[in-house]
């Protein structure tokens, strides 16, 4: 049996999507460099730590509408910085 996959002209390969996702995350000033993205079969996984929920949401917004993205799993953890005691 031959394992042949036909790629539609609009379909993009994972390395292309990953490259665009990294660039998109870098363009959003609210998304810290602690956020990383992995791509498998067009599905993105966001991981890392941020201090605020808006940063987590911004990271997902940055990549969710990229061409070729089939879905986004947001596994970013919110870890607020503890302030000094009075």
PDB file of N, CA and C in Angstrom:
ATOM      1  N   UNK A   1       0.847  -1.174   0.000  1.00  0.00           N
ATOM      2  CA  UNK A   1       0.000   0.000   0.000  1.00  0.00           C
ATOM      3  C   UNK A   1       0.889   1.232   0.000  1.00  0.00           C
ATOM      4  N   UNK A   2       0.507   2.188  -0.791  1.00  0.00           N
ATOM      5  CA  UNK A   2       1.224   3.462  -0.833  1.00  0.00           C
ATOM      6  C   UNK A   2       0.563   4.445   0.126  1.00  0.00           C
ATOM      7  N   UNK A   3       1.379   5.114   0.885  1.00  0.00           N
ATOM      8  CA  UNK A   3       0.885   6.126   1.812  1.00  0.00           C
ATOM      9  C   UNK A   3       1.056   7.484   1.136  1.00  0.00           C
ATOM     10  N   UNK A   4       0.061   7.882   0.381  1.00  0.00           N
ATOM     11  CA  UNK A   4       0.121   9.120  -0.375  1.00  0.00           C
ATOM     12  C   UNK A   4      -0.826  10.120   0.255  1.00  0.00           C
ATOM     13  N   UNK A   5      -0.315  11.320   0.512  1.00  0.00           N
ATOM     14  CA  UNK A   5      -1.153  12.394   1.037  1.00  0.00           C
ATOM     15  C   UNK A   5      -1.218  13.490  -0.004  1.00  0.00           C
ATOM     16  N   UNK A   6      -2.394  13.941  -0.278  1.00  0.00           N
ATOM     17  CA  UNK A   6      -2.575  15.032  -1.213  1.00  0.00           C
ATOM     18  C   UNK A   6      -2.845  16.289  -0.405  1.00  0.00           C
ATOM     19  N   UNK A   7      -2.068  17.305  -0.678  1.00  0.00           N
ATOM     20  CA  UNK A   7      -2.199  18.555   0.048  1.00  0.00           C
ATOM     21  C   UNK A   7      -2.955  19.554  -0.817  1.00  0.00           C
ATOM     22  N   UNK A   8      -4.000  20.132  -0.249  1.00  0.00           N
ATOM     23  CA  UNK A   8      -4.745  21.154  -0.953  1.00  0.00           C
ATOM     24  C   UNK A   8      -3.891  22.409  -1.054  1.00  0.00           C
ATOM     25  N   UNK A   9      -4.146  23.235  -2.034  1.00  0.00           N
ATOM     26  CA  UNK A   9      -3.329  24.425  -2.222  1.00  0.00           C
ATOM     27  C   UNK A   9      -3.391  25.371  -1.024  1.00  0.00           C
ATOM     28  N   UNK A  10      -4.509  25.379  -0.303  1.00  0.00           N
ATOM     29  CA  UNK A  10      -4.636  26.241   0.880  1.00  0.00           C
ATOM     30  C   UNK A  10      -4.048  25.606   2.127  1.00  0.00           C
ATOM     31  N   UNK A  11      -3.855  24.306   2.116  1.00  0.00           N
ATOM     32  CA  UNK A  11      -3.335  23.612   3.287  1.00  0.00           C
ATOM     33  C   UNK A  11      -1.859  23.945   3.464  1.00  0.00           C
ATOM     34  N   UNK A  12      -1.467  24.182   4.686  1.00  0.00           N
ATOM     35  CA  UNK A  12      -0.079  24.531   4.970  1.00  0.00           C
ATOM     36  C   UNK A  12       0.552  23.463   5.850  1.00  0.00           C
ATOM     37  N   UNK A  13       1.851  23.308   5.737  1.00  0.00           N
ATOM     38  CA  UNK A  13       2.561  22.324   6.544  1.00  0.00           C
ATOM     39  C   UNK A  13       2.909  22.937   7.902  1.00  0.00           C
ATOM     40  N   UNK A  14       3.118  22.079   8.876  1.00  0.00           N
ATOM     41  CA  UNK A  14       3.349  22.506  10.251  1.00  0.00           C
ATOM     42  C   UNK A  14       4.514  23.496  10.409  1.00  0.00           C
ATOM     43  N   UNK A  15       5.674  23.274   9.769  1.00  0.00           N
ATOM     44  CA  UNK A  15       6.762  24.249   9.940  1.00  0.00           C
ATOM     45  C   UNK A  15       6.394  25.662   9.463  1.00  0.00           C
ATOM     46  N   UNK A  16       5.600  25.763   8.407  1.00  0.00           N
ATOM     47  CA  UNK A  16       5.157  27.079   7.929  1.00  0.00           C
ATOM     48  C   UNK A  16       4.248  27.746   8.961  1.00  0.00           C
ATOM     49  N   UNK A  17       3.328  26.962   9.496  1.00  0.00           N
ATOM     50  CA  UNK A  17       2.395  27.492  10.498  1.00  0.00           C
ATOM     51  C   UNK A  17       3.161  27.898  11.758  1.00  0.00           C
ATOM     52  N   UNK A  18       4.098  27.061  12.181  1.00  0.00           N
ATOM     53  CA  UNK A  18       4.887  27.352  13.382  1.00  0.00           C
ATOM     54  C   UNK A  18       5.678  28.645  13.208  1.00  0.00           C
ATOM     55  N   UNK A  19       6.270  28.829  12.058  1.00  0.00           N
ATOM     56  CA  UNK A  19       7.037  30.050  11.787  1.00  0.00           C
ATOM     57  C   UNK A  19       6.144  31.279  11.909  1.00  0.00           C
ATOM     58  N   UNK A  20       4.976  31.233  11.298  1.00  0.00           N
ATOM     59  CA  UNK A  20       4.049  32.361  11.364  1.00  0.00           C
ATOM     60  C   UNK A  20       3.524  32.580  12.783  1.00  0.00           C
ATOM     61  N   UNK A  21       3.318  31.508  13.522  1.00  0.00           N
ATOM     62  CA  UNK A  21       2.829  31.623  14.895  1.00  0.00           C
ATOM     63  C   UNK A  21       3.862  32.300  15.789  1.00  0.00           C
ATOM     64  N   UNK A  22       5.116  31.936  15.641  1.00  0.00           N
ATOM     65  CA  UNK A  22       6.181  32.566  16.429  1.00  0.00           C
ATOM     66  C   UNK A  22       6.242  34.057  16.119  1.00  0.00           C
ATOM     67  N   UNK A  23       6.189  34.407  14.840  1.00  0.00           N
ATOM     68  CA  UNK A  23       6.212  35.819  14.455  1.00  0.00           C
ATOM     69  C   UNK A  23       5.001  36.566  15.008  1.00  0.00           C
ATOM     70  N   UNK A  24       3.840  35.930  14.958  1.00  0.00           N
ATOM     71  CA  UNK A  24       2.626  36.565  15.472  1.00  0.00           C
ATOM     72  C   UNK A  24       2.730  36.823  16.968  1.00  0.00           C
ATOM     73  N   UNK A  25       3.259  35.861  17.710  1.00  0.00           N
ATOM     74  CA  UNK A  25       3.424  36.049  19.159  1.00  0.00           C
ATOM     75  C   UNK A  25       4.406  37.165  19.460  1.00  0.00           C
ATOM     76  N   UNK A  26       5.457  37.279  18.664  1.00  0.00           N
ATOM     77  CA  UNK A  26       6.460  38.323  18.881  1.00  0.00           C
ATOM     78  C   UNK A  26       5.907  39.714  18.588  1.00  0.00           C
ATOM     79  N   UNK A  27       4.910  39.806  17.729  1.00  0.00           N
ATOM     80  CA  UNK A  27       4.320  41.098  17.368  1.00  0.00           C
ATOM     81  C   UNK A  27       3.393  41.650  18.445  1.00  0.00           C
ATOM     82  N   UNK A  28       2.902  40.800  19.320  1.00  0.00           N
ATOM     83  CA  UNK A  28       2.001  41.256  20.383  1.00  0.00           C
ATOM     84  C   UNK A  28       2.850  41.641  21.598  1.00  0.00           C
ATOM     85  N   UNK A  29       2.951  42.930  21.914  1.00  0.00           N
ATOM     86  CA  UNK A  29       3.810  43.360  23.025  1.00  0.00           C
ATOM     87  C   UNK A  29       3.369  42.832  24.385  1.00  0.00           C
ATOM     88  N   UNK A  30       2.098  42.478  24.527  1.00  0.00           N
ATOM     89  CA  UNK A  30       1.622  41.983  25.820  1.00  0.00           C
ATOM     90  C   UNK A  30       1.968  40.520  26.068  1.00  0.00           C
ATOM     91  N   UNK A  31       2.396  39.801  25.030  1.00  0.00           N
ATOM     92  CA  UNK A  31       2.707  38.373  25.181  1.00  0.00           C
ATOM     93  C   UNK A  31       4.187  38.229  25.521  1.00  0.00           C
ATOM     94  N   UNK A  32       4.501  37.708  26.717  1.00  0.00           N
ATOM     95  CA  UNK A  32       5.914  37.558  27.095  1.00  0.00           C
ATOM     96  C   UNK A  32       6.601  36.437  26.316  1.00  0.00           C
ATOM     97  N   UNK A  33       7.898  36.483  26.281  1.00  0.00           N
ATOM     98  CA  UNK A  33       8.707  35.498  25.555  1.00  0.00           C
ATOM     99  C   UNK A  33       8.677  34.123  26.210  1.00  0.00           C
ATOM    100  N   UNK A  34       8.020  34.005  27.351  1.00  0.00           N
ATOM    101  CA  UNK A  34       7.915  32.711  28.027  1.00  0.00           C
ATOM    102  C   UNK A  34       6.887  31.807  27.360  1.00  0.00           C
ATOM    103  N   UNK A  35       6.098  32.357  26.430  1.00  0.00           N
ATOM    104  CA  UNK A  35       5.078  31.580  25.728  1.00  0.00           C
ATOM    105  C   UNK A  35       5.718  30.885  24.521  1.00  0.00           C
ATOM    106  N   UNK A  36       5.503  29.574  24.430  1.00  0.00           N
ATOM    107  CA  UNK A  36       6.019  28.815  23.294  1.00  0.00           C
ATOM    108  C   UNK A  36       4.847  28.148  22.569  1.00  0.00           C
ATOM    109  N   UNK A  37       5.065  27.844  21.306  1.00  0.00           N
ATOM    110  CA  UNK A  37       4.014  27.234  20.502  1.00  0.00           C
ATOM    111  C   UNK A  37       4.568  25.995  19.814  1.00  0.00           C
ATOM    112  N   UNK A  38       3.753  24.944  19.773  1.00  0.00           N
ATOM    113  CA  UNK A  38       4.084  23.746  19.004  1.00  0.00           C
ATOM    114  C   UNK A  38       2.909  23.470  18.062  1.00  0.00           C
ATOM    115  N   UNK A  39       3.237  22.852  16.930  1.00  0.00           N
ATOM    116  CA  UNK A  39       2.219  22.588  15.914  1.00  0.00           C
ATOM    117  C   UNK A  39       2.275  21.124  15.521  1.00  0.00           C
ATOM    118  N   UNK A  40       1.103  20.513  15.438  1.00  0.00           N
ATOM    119  CA  UNK A  40       1.005  19.128  14.981  1.00  0.00           C
ATOM    120  C   UNK A  40      -0.274  18.997  14.159  1.00  0.00           C
ATOM    121  N   UNK A  41      -0.104  18.677  12.905  1.00  0.00           N
ATOM    122  CA  UNK A  41      -1.232  18.507  11.983  1.00  0.00           C
ATOM    123  C   UNK A  41      -2.150  19.726  11.937  1.00  0.00           C
ATOM    124  N   UNK A  42      -1.569  20.923  12.042  1.00  0.00           N
ATOM    125  CA  UNK A  42      -2.344  22.156  11.969  1.00  0.00           C
ATOM    126  C   UNK A  42      -2.945  22.610  13.282  1.00  0.00           C
ATOM    127  N   UNK A  43      -2.788  21.819  14.342  1.00  0.00           N
ATOM    128  CA  UNK A  43      -3.298  22.185  15.656  1.00  0.00           C
ATOM    129  C   UNK A  43      -2.165  22.757  16.500  1.00  0.00           C
ATOM    130  N   UNK A  44      -2.388  23.931  17.073  1.00  0.00           N
ATOM    131  CA  UNK A  44      -1.376  24.613  17.864  1.00  0.00           C
ATOM    132  C   UNK A  44      -1.589  24.365  19.345  1.00  0.00           C
ATOM    133  N   UNK A  45      -0.487  24.251  20.079  1.00  0.00           N
ATOM    134  CA  UNK A  45      -0.523  24.178  21.525  1.00  0.00           C
ATOM    135  C   UNK A  45       0.336  25.311  22.057  1.00  0.00           C
ATOM    136  N   UNK A  46      -0.259  26.139  22.900  1.00  0.00           N
ATOM    137  CA  UNK A  46       0.457  27.229  23.552  1.00  0.00           C
ATOM    138  C   UNK A  46       0.799  26.797  24.963  1.00  0.00           C
ATOM    139  N   UNK A  47       2.051  27.009  25.345  1.00  0.00           N
ATOM    140  CA  UNK A  47       2.503  26.636  26.686  1.00  0.00           C
ATOM    141  C   UNK A  47       3.392  27.735  27.232  1.00  0.00           C
ATOM    142  N   UNK A  48       3.608  27.700  28.530  1.00  0.00           N
ATOM    143  CA  UNK A  48       4.459  28.675  29.186  1.00  0.00           C
ATOM    144  C   UNK A  48       3.727  29.300  30.363  1.00  0.00           C
ATOM    145  N   UNK A  49       4.326  30.359  30.902  1.00  0.00           N
ATOM    146  CA  UNK A  49       3.766  31.048  32.056  1.00  0.00           C
ATOM    147  C   UNK A  49       3.624  32.533  31.754  1.00  0.00           C
ATOM    148  N   UNK A  50       2.520  33.111  32.220  1.00  0.00           N
ATOM    149  CA  UNK A  50       2.294  34.548  32.134  1.00  0.00           C
ATOM    150  C   UNK A  50       1.814  35.041  33.492  1.00  0.00           C
ATOM    151  N   UNK A  51       1.823  36.361  33.677  1.00  0.00           N
ATOM    152  CA  UNK A  51       1.397  36.922  34.959  1.00  0.00           C
ATOM    153  C   UNK A  51      -0.085  37.268  34.990  1.00  0.00           C
ATOM    154  N   UNK A  52      -0.679  37.497  33.809  1.00  0.00           N
ATOM    155  CA  UNK A  52      -2.049  37.985  33.754  1.00  0.00           C
ATOM    156  C   UNK A  52      -2.861  37.200  32.738  1.00  0.00           C
ATOM    157  N   UNK A  53      -4.166  37.107  32.970  1.00  0.00           N
ATOM    158  CA  UNK A  53      -5.051  36.388  32.056  1.00  0.00           C
ATOM    159  C   UNK A  53      -5.114  37.053  30.681  1.00  0.00           C
ATOM    160  N   UNK A  54      -5.040  38.386  30.630  1.00  0.00           N
ATOM    161  CA  UNK A  54      -5.101  39.049  29.327  1.00  0.00           C
ATOM    162  C   UNK A  54      -3.921  38.637  28.443  1.00  0.00           C
ATOM    163  N   UNK A  55      -2.771  38.341  29.040  1.00  0.00           N
ATOM    164  CA  UNK A  55      -1.620  37.883  28.265  1.00  0.00           C
ATOM    165  C   UNK A  55      -1.901  36.500  27.675  1.00  0.00           C
ATOM    166  N   UNK A  56      -2.536  35.661  28.435  1.00  0.00           N
ATOM    167  CA  UNK A  56      -2.922  34.321  27.977  1.00  0.00           C
ATOM    168  C   UNK A  56      -3.905  34.431  26.814  1.00  0.00           C
ATOM    169  N   UNK A  57      -4.898  35.308  26.970  1.00  0.00           N
ATOM    170  CA  UNK A  57      -5.905  35.508  25.924  1.00  0.00           C
ATOM    171  C   UNK A  57      -5.283  36.137  24.672  1.00  0.00           C
ATOM    172  N   UNK A  58      -4.380  37.094  24.854  1.00  0.00           N
ATOM    173  CA  UNK A  58      -3.722  37.738  23.713  1.00  0.00           C
ATOM    174  C   UNK A  58      -2.888  36.747  22.914  1.00  0.00           C
ATOM    175  N   UNK A  59      -2.238  35.828  23.596  1.00  0.00           N
ATOM    176  CA  UNK A  59      -1.426  34.823  22.899  1.00  0.00           C
ATOM    177  C   UNK A  59      -2.313  33.970  21.995  1.00  0.00           C
ATOM    178  N   UNK A  60      -3.456  33.564  22.507  1.00  0.00           N
ATOM    179  CA  UNK A  60      -4.374  32.764  21.704  1.00  0.00           C
ATOM    180  C   UNK A  60      -4.925  33.572  20.529  1.00  0.00           C
ATOM    181  N   UNK A  61      -5.273  34.821  20.781  1.00  0.00           N
ATOM    182  CA  UNK A  61      -5.772  35.685  19.711  1.00  0.00           C
ATOM    183  C   UNK A  61      -4.735  35.893  18.617  1.00  0.00           C
ATOM    184  N   UNK A  62      -3.477  35.957  19.005  1.00  0.00           N
ATOM    185  CA  UNK A  62      -2.404  36.209  18.044  1.00  0.00           C
ATOM    186  C   UNK A  62      -2.265  35.098  17.020  1.00  0.00           C
ATOM    187  N   UNK A  63      -2.566  33.866  17.409  1.00  0.00           N
ATOM    188  CA  UNK A  63      -2.312  32.728  16.519  1.00  0.00           C
ATOM    189  C   UNK A  63      -3.563  32.044  15.977  1.00  0.00           C
ATOM    190  N   UNK A  64      -4.708  32.304  16.565  1.00  0.00           N
ATOM    191  CA  UNK A  64      -5.904  31.520  16.226  1.00  0.00           C
ATOM    192  C   UNK A  64      -6.409  31.726  14.801  1.00  0.00           C
ATOM    193  N   UNK A  65      -6.113  32.855  14.194  1.00  0.00           N
ATOM    194  CA  UNK A  65      -6.635  33.125  12.852  1.00  0.00           C
ATOM    195  C   UNK A  65      -5.580  33.015  11.756  1.00  0.00           C
ATOM    196  N   UNK A  66      -4.460  32.444  12.068  1.00  0.00           N
ATOM    197  CA  UNK A  66      -3.423  32.268  11.048  1.00  0.00           C
ATOM    198  C   UNK A  66      -3.885  31.245  10.011  1.00  0.00           C
ATOM    199  N   UNK A  67      -3.468  31.428   8.776  1.00  0.00           N
ATOM    200  CA  UNK A  67      -3.808  30.471   7.722  1.00  0.00           C
ATOM    201  C   UNK A  67      -3.280  29.086   8.078  1.00  0.00           C
ATOM    202  N   UNK A  68      -4.119  28.089   7.929  1.00  0.00           N
ATOM    203  CA  UNK A  68      -3.724  26.709   8.167  1.00  0.00           C
ATOM    204  C   UNK A  68      -3.977  26.200   9.572  1.00  0.00           C
ATOM    205  N   UNK A  69      -4.331  27.109  10.504  1.00  0.00           N
ATOM    206  CA  UNK A  69      -4.572  26.694  11.888  1.00  0.00           C
ATOM    207  C   UNK A  69      -5.955  26.058  11.984  1.00  0.00           C
ATOM    208  N   UNK A  70      -5.974  24.827  12.480  1.00  0.00           N
ATOM    209  CA  UNK A  70      -7.229  24.088  12.630  1.00  0.00           C
ATOM    210  C   UNK A  70      -7.816  24.222  14.033  1.00  0.00           C
ATOM    211  N   UNK A  71      -6.963  24.538  14.995  1.00  0.00           N
ATOM    212  CA  UNK A  71      -7.418  24.690  16.366  1.00  0.00           C
ATOM    213  C   UNK A  71      -6.272  25.086  17.267  1.00  0.00           C
ATOM    214  N   UNK A  72      -6.606  25.617  18.447  1.00  0.00           N
ATOM    215  CA  UNK A  72      -5.594  26.063  19.405  1.00  0.00           C
ATOM    216  C   UNK A  72      -5.932  25.509  20.777  1.00  0.00           C
ATOM    217  N   UNK A  73      -4.967  24.854  21.402  1.00  0.00           N
ATOM    218  CA  UNK A  73      -5.093  24.418  22.791  1.00  0.00           C
ATOM    219  C   UNK A  73      -4.241  25.369  23.626  1.00  0.00           C
ATOM    220  N   UNK A  74      -4.883  26.095  24.507  1.00  0.00           N
ATOM    221  CA  UNK A  74      -4.180  27.081  25.315  1.00  0.00           C
ATOM    222  C   UNK A  74      -3.861  26.472  26.676  1.00  0.00           C
ATOM    223  N   UNK A  75      -2.609  26.039  26.839  1.00  0.00           N
ATOM    224  CA  UNK A  75      -2.159  25.439  28.091  1.00  0.00           C
ATOM    225  C   UNK A  75      -1.245  26.381  28.863  1.00  0.00           C
ATOM    226  N   UNK A  76      -1.377  27.678  28.597  1.00  0.00           N
ATOM    227  CA  UNK A  76      -0.559  28.672  29.292  1.00  0.00           C
ATOM    228  C   UNK A  76      -1.034  28.780  30.735  1.00  0.00           C
ATOM    229  N   UNK A  77      -0.085  28.806  31.653  1.00  0.00           N
ATOM    230  CA  UNK A  77      -0.372  28.872  33.081  1.00  0.00           C
ATOM    231  C   UNK A  77      -0.205  30.316  33.561  1.00  0.00           C
ATOM    232  N   UNK A  78      -1.139  30.763  34.392  1.00  0.00           N
ATOM    233  CA  UNK A  78      -1.038  32.105  34.977  1.00  0.00           C
ATOM    234  C   UNK A  78      -0.362  31.977  36.333  1.00  0.00           C
ATOM    235  N   UNK A  79       0.772  32.637  36.460  1.00  0.00           N
ATOM    236  CA  UNK A  79       1.537  32.648  37.716  1.00  0.00           C
ATOM    237  C   UNK A  79       1.824  34.083  38.100  1.00  0.00           C
ATOM    238  N   UNK A  80       0.938  34.692  38.880  1.00  0.00           N
ATOM    239  CA  UNK A  80       1.163  36.090  39.281  1.00  0.00           C
ATOM    240  C   UNK A  80       2.409  36.216  40.137  1.00  0.00           C
ATOM    241  N   UNK A  81       3.056  37.361  40.011  1.00  0.00           N
ATOM    242  CA  UNK A  81       4.233  37.633  40.820  1.00  0.00           C
ATOM    243  C   UNK A  81       3.759  38.057  42.202  1.00  0.00           C
ATOM    244  N   UNK A  82       4.327  37.431  43.224  1.00  0.00           N
ATOM    245  CA  UNK A  82       3.953  37.759  44.592  1.00  0.00           C
ATOM    246  C   UNK A  82       4.560  39.105  44.973  1.00  0.00           C
ATOM    247  N   UNK A  83       3.766  39.941  45.619  1.00  0.00           N
ATOM    248  CA  UNK A  83       4.287  41.229  46.070  1.00  0.00           C
ATOM    249  C   UNK A  83       4.867  41.085  47.473  1.00  0.00           C
ATOM    250  N   UNK A  84       5.716  42.020  47.826  1.00  0.00           N
ATOM    251  CA  UNK A  84       6.360  41.990  49.131  1.00  0.00           C
ATOM    252  C   UNK A  84       5.323  42.248  50.237  1.00  0.00           C
ATOM    253  N   UNK A  85       5.505  41.606  51.363  1.00  0.00           N
ATOM    254  CA  UNK A  85       4.592  41.786  52.498  1.00  0.00           C
ATOM    255  C   UNK A  85       4.800  43.155  53.096  1.00  0.00           C
ATOM    256  N   UNK A  86       3.752  43.671  53.723  1.00  0.00           N
ATOM    257  CA  UNK A  86       3.829  45.007  54.332  1.00  0.00           C
ATOM    258  C   UNK A  86       4.684  44.972  55.521  1.00  0.00           C
TER     259      UNK A  86
END
